């Protein structure tokens, strides 16, 4: 028996209100799974482009990008 068949058999043995609880829980699990799939690292996106940035280069680029940005804490 496959997992899918075992789940279906277990669900059929439950009363309707428990089946609804299980359906709600499955929807939450699916949402959690979809959220996790949306997280893709930038390193993974750049892998086939041959781009290699060091931490120092990233820091320098961030400083340059934010250089003209007004600050209220100074």
Protein backbone atom coordinates (compact mmCIF):
# COMPACT_ATOMS: atom_id res chain seq x y z
CA UNK A 1 0.00 0.00 0.00
CA UNK A 2 1.38 3.42 -0.94
CA UNK A 3 1.47 6.36 1.45
CA UNK A 4 -1.26 8.08 -0.55
CA UNK A 5 -3.51 5.02 -0.24
CA UNK A 6 -2.80 4.74 3.50
CA UNK A 7 -3.65 8.41 4.03
CA UNK A 8 -6.86 8.07 2.04
CA UNK A 9 -7.88 5.01 4.04
CA UNK A 10 -7.16 6.80 7.33
CA UNK A 11 -9.13 9.88 6.24
CA UNK A 12 -12.14 7.80 5.20
CA UNK A 13 -12.22 6.25 8.69
CA UNK A 14 -12.55 9.69 10.35
CA UNK A 15 -15.80 11.55 11.06
CA UNK A 16 -16.55 14.55 8.80
CA UNK A 17 -15.40 17.20 11.31
CA UNK A 18 -12.04 15.45 11.74
CA UNK A 19 -11.69 15.17 7.96
CA UNK A 20 -12.16 18.96 7.77
CA UNK A 21 -9.46 19.47 10.42
CA UNK A 22 -7.12 17.26 8.44
CA UNK A 23 -7.89 19.17 5.24
CA UNK A 24 -7.14 22.48 7.00
CA UNK A 25 -3.87 21.07 8.31
CA UNK A 26 -2.91 19.84 4.83
CA UNK A 27 -3.56 23.35 3.46
CA UNK A 28 -1.23 24.83 6.11
CA UNK A 29 1.47 22.29 5.27
CA UNK A 30 1.12 23.06 1.56
CA UNK A 31 1.43 26.81 2.26
CA UNK A 32 4.57 26.24 4.35
CA UNK A 33 6.05 24.11 1.58
CA UNK A 34 5.31 26.76 -1.05
CA UNK A 35 6.88 29.50 1.07
CA UNK A 36 10.06 27.46 1.40
CA UNK A 37 10.23 26.88 -2.34
CA UNK A 38 10.12 30.61 -3.00
CA UNK A 39 13.42 31.16 -1.20
CA UNK A 40 16.18 30.91 -3.79
CA UNK A 41 19.67 32.05 -2.95
CA UNK A 42 21.23 34.70 -5.14
CA UNK A 43 24.33 32.58 -5.33
CA UNK A 44 22.23 29.86 -6.93
CA UNK A 45 20.75 32.32 -9.40
CA UNK A 46 24.22 33.51 -10.42
CA UNK A 47 25.81 30.04 -10.61
CA UNK A 48 25.62 29.70 -14.39
CA UNK A 49 26.76 33.30 -15.05
CA UNK A 50 30.28 32.84 -13.76
CA UNK A 51 29.96 35.78 -11.33
CA UNK A 52 32.15 35.57 -8.25
CA UNK A 53 31.97 38.32 -5.62
CA UNK A 54 34.02 38.39 -2.47
CA UNK A 55 32.66 39.66 0.83
CA UNK A 56 34.97 42.68 0.47
CA UNK A 57 33.54 43.52 -2.97
CA UNK A 58 30.00 43.23 -1.67
CA UNK A 59 30.79 45.52 1.29
CA UNK A 60 32.40 48.10 -1.02
CA UNK A 61 29.41 48.04 -3.36
CA UNK A 62 27.00 48.47 -0.45
CA UNK A 63 28.97 51.44 0.89
CA UNK A 64 29.02 53.03 -2.57
CA UNK A 65 25.30 52.46 -3.11
CA UNK A 66 24.37 53.98 0.26
CA UNK A 67 26.96 56.82 0.21
CA UNK A 68 24.53 59.57 -0.85
CA UNK A 69 21.60 58.29 1.17
CA UNK A 70 20.58 60.79 3.88
CA UNK A 71 21.01 59.59 7.47
CA UNK A 72 19.12 60.80 10.52
CA UNK A 73 21.42 59.24 13.13
CA UNK A 74 24.39 61.55 12.55
